[in-house]
Amino acid sequence: MRDAIVDLEARMRAMFASIDDARLEASAPGGGQTLGQALLEDLDHCAIHHGQAQLTRNLWEAAHPDAPRTYEHWR
């Protein structure tokens, strides 16, 4: 699993690095905002879900202290 995360991180970094300023300032599909604004909004949305998942895991672990811990921080 850790290898998949590292691989995806590398691909995401390469993808974001390939988007030039002109494209970030261009209209996003659907209009109404730039591609940069749309990407930032989507990334913020994903971060919120990641935080919610982590909080849910923390609550579950606190409620089940005898359950085996399988989580490994990947960094």
N, C-alpha and C. Protein backbone atom coordinates (compact mmCIF):
# COMPACT_ATOMS: atom_id res chain seq x y z
N MET A 1 0.83 -1.19 0.00
CA MET A 1 0.00 0.00 0.00
C MET A 1 0.87 1.26 0.00
N ARG A 2 1.93 1.22 0.79
CA ARG A 2 2.82 2.38 0.86
C ARG A 2 3.42 2.69 -0.50
N ASP A 3 3.80 1.66 -1.25
CA ASP A 3 4.36 1.88 -2.59
C ASP A 3 3.34 2.55 -3.51
N ALA A 4 2.09 2.17 -3.39
CA ALA A 4 1.04 2.78 -4.22
C ALA A 4 0.89 4.27 -3.89
N ILE A 5 0.99 4.61 -2.62
CA ILE A 5 0.88 6.01 -2.21
C ILE A 5 2.06 6.81 -2.75
N VAL A 6 3.26 6.26 -2.62
CA VAL A 6 4.46 6.93 -3.11
C VAL A 6 4.38 7.12 -4.62
N ASP A 7 3.91 6.08 -5.33
CA ASP A 7 3.77 6.16 -6.78
C ASP A 7 2.76 7.23 -7.18
N LEU A 8 1.62 7.24 -6.52
CA LEU A 8 0.60 8.23 -6.84
C LEU A 8 1.08 9.64 -6.54
N GLU A 9 1.81 9.81 -5.43
CA GLU A 9 2.34 11.14 -5.11
C GLU A 9 3.28 11.62 -6.21
N ALA A 10 4.14 10.75 -6.70
CA ALA A 10 5.08 11.12 -7.76
C ALA A 10 4.33 11.50 -9.04
N ARG A 11 3.31 10.72 -9.38
CA ARG A 11 2.53 11.03 -10.58
C ARG A 11 1.76 12.34 -10.44
N MET A 12 1.20 12.60 -9.26
CA MET A 12 0.46 13.85 -9.03
C MET A 12 1.40 15.06 -9.11
N ARG A 13 2.59 14.94 -8.50
CA ARG A 13 3.56 16.04 -8.57
C ARG A 13 3.94 16.33 -10.03
N ALA A 14 4.18 15.29 -10.81
CA ALA A 14 4.54 15.47 -12.21
C ALA A 14 3.39 16.11 -12.99
N MET A 15 2.17 15.67 -12.70
CA MET A 15 1.00 16.21 -13.39
C MET A 15 0.83 17.70 -13.07
N PHE A 16 0.93 18.05 -11.79
CA PHE A 16 0.77 19.46 -11.42
C PHE A 16 1.89 20.32 -11.99
N ALA A 17 3.11 19.78 -12.02
CA ALA A 17 4.25 20.53 -12.57
C ALA A 17 4.08 20.77 -14.08
N SER A 18 3.32 19.91 -14.75
CA SER A 18 3.16 20.04 -16.20
C SER A 18 2.12 21.09 -16.58
N ILE A 19 1.36 21.60 -15.63
CA ILE A 19 0.32 22.60 -15.94
C ILE A 19 0.95 23.99 -15.85
N ASP A 20 1.00 24.69 -16.96
CA ASP A 20 1.61 26.02 -16.96
C ASP A 20 0.63 27.09 -16.47
N ASP A 21 1.16 28.26 -16.19
CA ASP A 21 0.34 29.36 -15.65
C ASP A 21 -0.82 29.73 -16.57
N ALA A 22 -0.58 29.71 -17.88
CA ALA A 22 -1.65 30.07 -18.82
C ALA A 22 -2.83 29.10 -18.68
N ARG A 23 -2.55 27.83 -18.51
CA ARG A 23 -3.63 26.85 -18.36
C ARG A 23 -4.35 27.02 -17.03
N LEU A 24 -3.59 27.30 -15.97
CA LEU A 24 -4.21 27.52 -14.66
C LEU A 24 -5.14 28.73 -14.67
N GLU A 25 -4.81 29.71 -15.50
CA GLU A 25 -5.62 30.93 -15.56
C GLU A 25 -6.76 30.83 -16.57
N ALA A 26 -6.77 29.77 -17.38
CA ALA A 26 -7.84 29.58 -18.38
C ALA A 26 -9.10 29.08 -17.69
N SER A 27 -10.21 29.21 -18.39
CA SER A 27 -11.50 28.76 -17.84
C SER A 27 -11.51 27.24 -17.69
N ALA A 28 -12.06 26.80 -16.58
CA ALA A 28 -12.22 25.37 -16.34
C ALA A 28 -13.43 24.88 -17.12
N PRO A 29 -13.46 23.58 -17.43
CA PRO A 29 -14.66 23.04 -18.08
C PRO A 29 -15.90 23.35 -17.24
N GLY A 30 -16.94 23.76 -17.86
CA GLY A 30 -18.14 24.14 -17.15
C GLY A 30 -18.21 25.63 -16.88
N GLY A 31 -17.08 26.32 -17.05
CA GLY A 31 -17.03 27.77 -16.89
C GLY A 31 -17.26 28.24 -15.46
N GLY A 32 -17.16 29.53 -15.29
CA GLY A 32 -17.42 30.12 -13.99
C GLY A 32 -16.19 30.32 -13.11
N GLN A 33 -15.14 29.56 -13.38
CA GLN A 33 -13.91 29.73 -12.60
C GLN A 33 -12.73 29.26 -13.43
N THR A 34 -11.53 29.62 -12.99
CA THR A 34 -10.33 29.18 -13.69
C THR A 34 -10.01 27.74 -13.31
N LEU A 35 -9.15 27.12 -14.11
CA LEU A 35 -8.72 25.76 -13.79
C LEU A 35 -8.00 25.74 -12.44
N GLY A 36 -7.19 26.77 -12.19
CA GLY A 36 -6.49 26.85 -10.91
C GLY A 36 -7.46 26.89 -9.73
N GLN A 37 -8.50 27.69 -9.85
CA GLN A 37 -9.51 27.75 -8.78
C GLN A 37 -10.22 26.41 -8.61
N ALA A 38 -10.56 25.77 -9.72
CA ALA A 38 -11.25 24.48 -9.66
C ALA A 38 -10.36 23.41 -9.03
N LEU A 39 -9.08 23.39 -9.39
CA LEU A 39 -8.16 22.42 -8.81
C LEU A 39 -8.01 22.64 -7.30
N LEU A 40 -7.86 23.90 -6.92
CA LEU A 40 -7.72 24.21 -5.50
C LEU A 40 -8.96 23.79 -4.72
N GLU A 41 -10.11 24.04 -5.28
CA GLU A 41 -11.37 23.65 -4.63
C GLU A 41 -11.45 22.12 -4.49
N ASP A 42 -11.09 21.40 -5.55
CA ASP A 42 -11.12 19.93 -5.51
C ASP A 42 -10.12 19.38 -4.50
N LEU A 43 -8.92 19.93 -4.46
CA LEU A 43 -7.91 19.46 -3.51
C LEU A 43 -8.34 19.74 -2.07
N ASP A 44 -8.94 20.90 -1.84
CA ASP A 44 -9.45 21.23 -0.52
C ASP A 44 -10.54 20.24 -0.11
N HIS A 45 -11.41 19.90 -1.04
CA HIS A 45 -12.49 18.95 -0.77
C HIS A 45 -11.91 17.57 -0.40
N CYS A 46 -10.90 17.12 -1.14
CA CYS A 46 -10.25 15.84 -0.83
C CYS A 46 -9.58 15.87 0.54
N ALA A 47 -8.96 16.98 0.90
CA ALA A 47 -8.31 17.11 2.20
C ALA A 47 -9.33 17.01 3.34
N ILE A 48 -10.49 17.59 3.13
CA ILE A 48 -11.55 17.51 4.14
C ILE A 48 -11.96 16.05 4.35
N HIS A 49 -12.15 15.31 3.26
CA HIS A 49 -12.53 13.90 3.37
C HIS A 49 -11.42 13.07 4.05
N HIS A 50 -10.18 13.37 3.73
CA HIS A 50 -9.07 12.66 4.38
C HIS A 50 -9.10 12.91 5.88
N GLY A 51 -9.33 14.14 6.28
CA GLY A 51 -9.42 14.46 7.71
C GLY A 51 -10.59 13.76 8.37
N GLN A 52 -11.72 13.70 7.68
CA GLN A 52 -12.88 13.01 8.24
C GLN A 52 -12.59 11.52 8.43
N ALA A 53 -11.92 10.92 7.47
CA ALA A 53 -11.58 9.50 7.58
C ALA A 53 -10.62 9.26 8.76
N GLN A 54 -9.65 10.14 8.92
CA GLN A 54 -8.70 9.98 10.03
C GLN A 54 -9.41 10.16 11.37
N LEU A 55 -10.30 11.13 11.48
CA LEU A 55 -11.05 11.31 12.73
C LEU A 55 -11.91 10.08 13.04
N THR A 56 -12.54 9.54 12.00
CA THR A 56 -13.35 8.33 12.20
C THR A 56 -12.50 7.18 12.69
N ARG A 57 -11.32 7.02 12.12
CA ARG A 57 -10.41 5.96 12.56
C ARG A 57 -9.98 6.19 14.01
N ASN A 58 -9.63 7.42 14.36
CA ASN A 58 -9.23 7.72 15.74
C ASN A 58 -10.35 7.41 16.73
N LEU A 59 -11.59 7.77 16.37
CA LEU A 59 -12.72 7.48 17.25
C LEU A 59 -12.95 5.98 17.38
N TRP A 60 -12.84 5.25 16.27
CA TRP A 60 -13.02 3.81 16.31
C TRP A 60 -11.95 3.16 17.19
N GLU A 61 -10.70 3.57 17.03
CA GLU A 61 -9.63 3.00 17.83
C GLU A 61 -9.81 3.32 19.31
N ALA A 62 -10.29 4.52 19.61
CA ALA A 62 -10.53 4.89 21.01
C ALA A 62 -11.65 4.05 21.61
N ALA A 63 -12.65 3.71 20.82
CA ALA A 63 -13.78 2.91 21.30
C ALA A 63 -13.46 1.42 21.36
N HIS A 64 -12.40 1.00 20.69
CA HIS A 64 -12.01 -0.41 20.63
C HIS A 64 -10.53 -0.56 20.99
N PRO A 65 -10.16 -0.32 22.23
CA PRO A 65 -8.74 -0.33 22.60
C PRO A 65 -8.06 -1.69 22.44
N ASP A 66 -8.82 -2.78 22.41
CA ASP A 66 -8.22 -4.10 22.27
C ASP A 66 -8.06 -4.53 20.81
N ALA A 67 -8.59 -3.77 19.88
CA ALA A 67 -8.49 -4.12 18.46
C ALA A 67 -7.06 -3.94 17.98
N PRO A 68 -6.60 -4.81 17.08
CA PRO A 68 -5.24 -4.66 16.56
C PRO A 68 -5.10 -3.38 15.74
N ARG A 69 -3.98 -2.75 15.88
CA ARG A 69 -3.69 -1.52 15.13
C ARG A 69 -2.95 -1.88 13.86
N THR A 70 -3.55 -1.55 12.72
CA THR A 70 -2.94 -1.89 11.44
C THR A 70 -2.44 -0.65 10.70
N TYR A 71 -2.77 0.53 11.21
CA TYR A 71 -2.41 1.76 10.50
C TYR A 71 -0.91 2.04 10.64
N GLU A 72 -0.28 2.35 9.51
CA GLU A 72 1.11 2.78 9.50
C GLU A 72 1.17 4.11 8.78
N HIS A 73 1.70 5.12 9.43
CA HIS A 73 1.85 6.41 8.76
C HIS A 73 2.84 6.23 7.64
N TRP A 74 2.51 6.66 6.44
CA TRP A 74 3.30 6.33 5.26
C TRP A 74 4.47 7.26 4.99
N ARG A 75 4.61 8.34 5.73
CA ARG A 75 5.74 9.24 5.46
C ARG A 75 6.96 8.83 6.21
